[in-house]
Amino acid sequence: MAPLLVVELRRPGGFGRLGLGMTIGLGLATLAVVQERLAFTGLLDFSDDYRVTAPFWEMHVGGAALDGFLALTIPFAVREVVRNESRVRLIGAWGVLALAAYACLVTFSRGVYAAIPVSMLLLVVLVYRQRLRLDRAQ
């Protein structure tokens, strides 16, 4: 998939489509988390240490697929909030971020609790470097 991704990212607006797709994927995964919590423990029952798996089947054997997915896709949703192009996309991105925050809490995973701030820090650093590069080019 990497060669196809490179070709798509070179097209105008390619990264925006990638970000929107990642945000939609995050939204669907977090809706699966909410549905699972409703079915098994209840939305606000934080005393039960039931760990959600969402659409990632390998979680029941000790995998960390949901954890990694959340850590990798939340920066794309933050980008959608920052670079909103319409009110509908802004509201949708905020909704996805709210669901993602809930999903991060109910994973009960220290890895997610550490990875999200690290990924946000990396996002801020990369955006800052990009703006510096653009300022130097002008």
Protein backbone atom coordinates (compact mmCIF):
# COMPACT_ATOMS: atom_id res chain seq x y z
CA MET A 1 0.00 0.00 0.00
CA ALA A 2 2.92 2.35 0.51
CA PRO A 3 3.46 3.05 -3.22
CA LEU A 4 -0.24 3.81 -3.65
CA LEU A 5 -0.16 6.09 -0.61
CA VAL A 6 2.85 7.98 -1.99
CA VAL A 7 1.09 8.52 -5.32
CA GLU A 8 -2.07 9.72 -3.59
CA LEU A 9 -0.21 12.07 -1.25
CA ARG A 10 1.54 13.72 -4.21
CA ARG A 11 -1.80 14.73 -5.72
CA PRO A 12 -3.31 18.07 -4.71
CA GLY A 13 -5.45 17.60 -1.61
CA GLY A 14 -4.21 14.06 -1.07
CA PHE A 15 -3.23 14.55 2.54
CA GLY A 16 -6.58 16.17 3.29
CA ARG A 17 -8.39 13.11 1.94
CA LEU A 18 -6.11 10.85 3.97
CA GLY A 19 -6.83 12.86 7.12
CA LEU A 20 -10.56 12.79 6.51
CA GLY A 21 -10.46 9.03 5.94
CA MET A 22 -8.45 8.44 9.10
CA THR A 23 -10.88 10.60 11.08
CA ILE A 24 -13.85 8.67 9.71
CA GLY A 25 -12.10 5.40 10.61
CA LEU A 26 -11.49 6.69 14.13
CA GLY A 27 -15.15 7.66 14.40
CA LEU A 28 -16.31 4.21 13.34
CA ALA A 29 -13.95 2.47 15.75
CA THR A 30 -15.04 4.66 18.65
CA LEU A 31 -18.70 4.01 17.83
CA ALA A 32 -17.88 0.31 18.10
CA VAL A 33 -16.32 1.00 21.52
CA VAL A 34 -19.45 2.82 22.68
CA GLN A 35 -21.68 -0.01 21.40
CA GLU A 36 -19.53 -2.60 23.17
CA ARG A 37 -19.58 -0.69 26.45
CA LEU A 38 -23.36 -0.32 26.23
CA ALA A 39 -23.75 -4.05 25.60
CA PHE A 40 -21.43 -5.34 28.32
CA THR A 41 -20.88 -2.86 31.16
CA GLY A 42 -22.74 0.38 30.60
CA LEU A 43 -21.35 3.69 29.43
CA LEU A 44 -20.54 5.19 32.81
CA ASP A 45 -19.50 2.09 34.75
CA PHE A 46 -15.81 2.73 35.30
CA SER A 47 -15.50 0.43 38.33
CA ASP A 48 -15.57 -2.68 36.12
CA ASP A 49 -12.21 -3.17 34.45
CA TYR A 50 -13.65 -4.63 31.24
CA ARG A 51 -11.29 -3.73 28.37
CA VAL A 52 -12.97 -2.98 25.09
CA THR A 53 -11.80 -4.55 21.85
CA ALA A 54 -13.96 -2.65 19.31
CA PRO A 55 -13.42 -4.07 15.79
CA PHE A 56 -9.98 -5.45 16.68
CA TRP A 57 -10.48 -9.16 17.33
CA GLU A 58 -6.89 -9.83 18.42
CA MET A 59 -7.37 -7.79 21.58
CA HIS A 60 -8.79 -10.85 23.39
CA VAL A 61 -5.42 -12.58 23.11
CA GLY A 62 -3.42 -9.68 24.50
CA GLY A 63 -2.83 -7.54 21.42
CA ALA A 64 -2.73 -3.78 21.54
CA ALA A 65 -4.32 -3.07 18.15
CA LEU A 66 -6.97 -0.69 19.48
CA ASP A 67 -4.38 1.15 21.55
CA GLY A 68 -2.14 1.68 18.54
CA PHE A 69 -5.04 2.64 16.30
CA LEU A 70 -6.21 5.31 18.74
CA ALA A 71 -2.71 6.71 19.17
CA LEU A 72 -2.12 6.87 15.42
CA THR A 73 -5.46 8.31 14.33
CA ILE A 74 -6.25 10.92 16.98
CA PRO A 75 -3.72 13.41 15.50
CA PHE A 76 -5.60 13.21 12.20
CA ALA A 77 -8.84 14.15 13.98
CA VAL A 78 -7.06 17.04 15.70
CA ARG A 79 -5.82 18.18 12.28
CA GLU A 80 -9.41 18.11 11.01
CA VAL A 81 -10.44 20.38 13.89
CA VAL A 82 -7.58 22.80 13.30
CA ARG A 83 -7.92 22.92 9.51
CA ASN A 84 -11.70 22.87 9.36
CA GLU A 85 -13.15 23.65 5.96
CA SER A 86 -16.80 23.73 6.93
CA ARG A 87 -18.93 23.89 10.01
CA VAL A 88 -20.22 20.35 9.45
CA ARG A 89 -16.69 18.92 9.30
CA LEU A 90 -15.71 20.90 12.40
CA ILE A 91 -18.66 19.60 14.40
CA GLY A 92 -18.03 16.06 13.15
CA ALA A 93 -14.34 16.23 14.05
CA TRP A 94 -15.14 17.50 17.54
CA GLY A 95 -17.65 14.68 17.95
CA VAL A 96 -15.07 12.12 16.86
CA LEU A 97 -12.53 13.58 19.29
CA ALA A 98 -15.05 13.39 22.15
CA LEU A 99 -15.77 9.74 21.34
CA ALA A 100 -12.04 9.06 20.99
CA ALA A 101 -11.36 10.55 24.43
CA TYR A 102 -13.99 8.23 25.89
CA ALA A 103 -12.51 5.27 24.00
CA CYS A 104 -9.05 6.08 25.35
CA LEU A 105 -10.39 6.14 28.90
CA VAL A 106 -12.20 2.82 28.67
CA THR A 107 -9.24 0.93 27.21
CA PHE A 108 -7.74 1.08 30.73
CA SER A 109 -4.36 0.97 29.03
CA ARG A 110 -1.39 2.89 30.36
CA GLY A 111 0.10 2.71 26.87
CA VAL A 112 -2.74 4.78 25.45
CA TYR A 113 -2.57 7.20 28.36
CA ALA A 114 1.10 7.81 27.51
CA ALA A 115 0.89 7.56 23.71
CA ILE A 116 -1.78 10.21 23.16
CA PRO A 117 0.20 13.07 24.76
CA VAL A 118 3.33 11.92 22.92
CA SER A 119 1.52 11.88 19.57
CA MET A 120 0.05 15.31 20.27
CA LEU A 121 3.51 16.65 21.11
CA LEU A 122 4.86 15.19 17.88
CA LEU A 123 2.01 16.80 15.95
CA VAL A 124 2.76 20.22 17.47
CA VAL A 125 6.48 19.90 16.70
CA LEU A 126 5.83 18.88 13.09
CA VAL A 127 3.33 21.70 12.51
CA TYR A 128 5.77 24.20 14.04
CA ARG A 129 8.61 22.97 11.79
CA GLN A 130 6.34 23.13 8.76
CA ARG A 131 5.38 26.73 9.53
CA LEU A 132 9.05 27.66 10.03
CA ARG A 133 9.88 26.15 6.66
CA LEU A 134 7.03 28.07 5.02
CA ASP A 135 8.13 31.33 6.65
CA ARG A 136 11.70 30.84 5.39
CA ALA A 137 10.44 30.17 1.87
CA GLN A 138 8.57 33.48 1.76
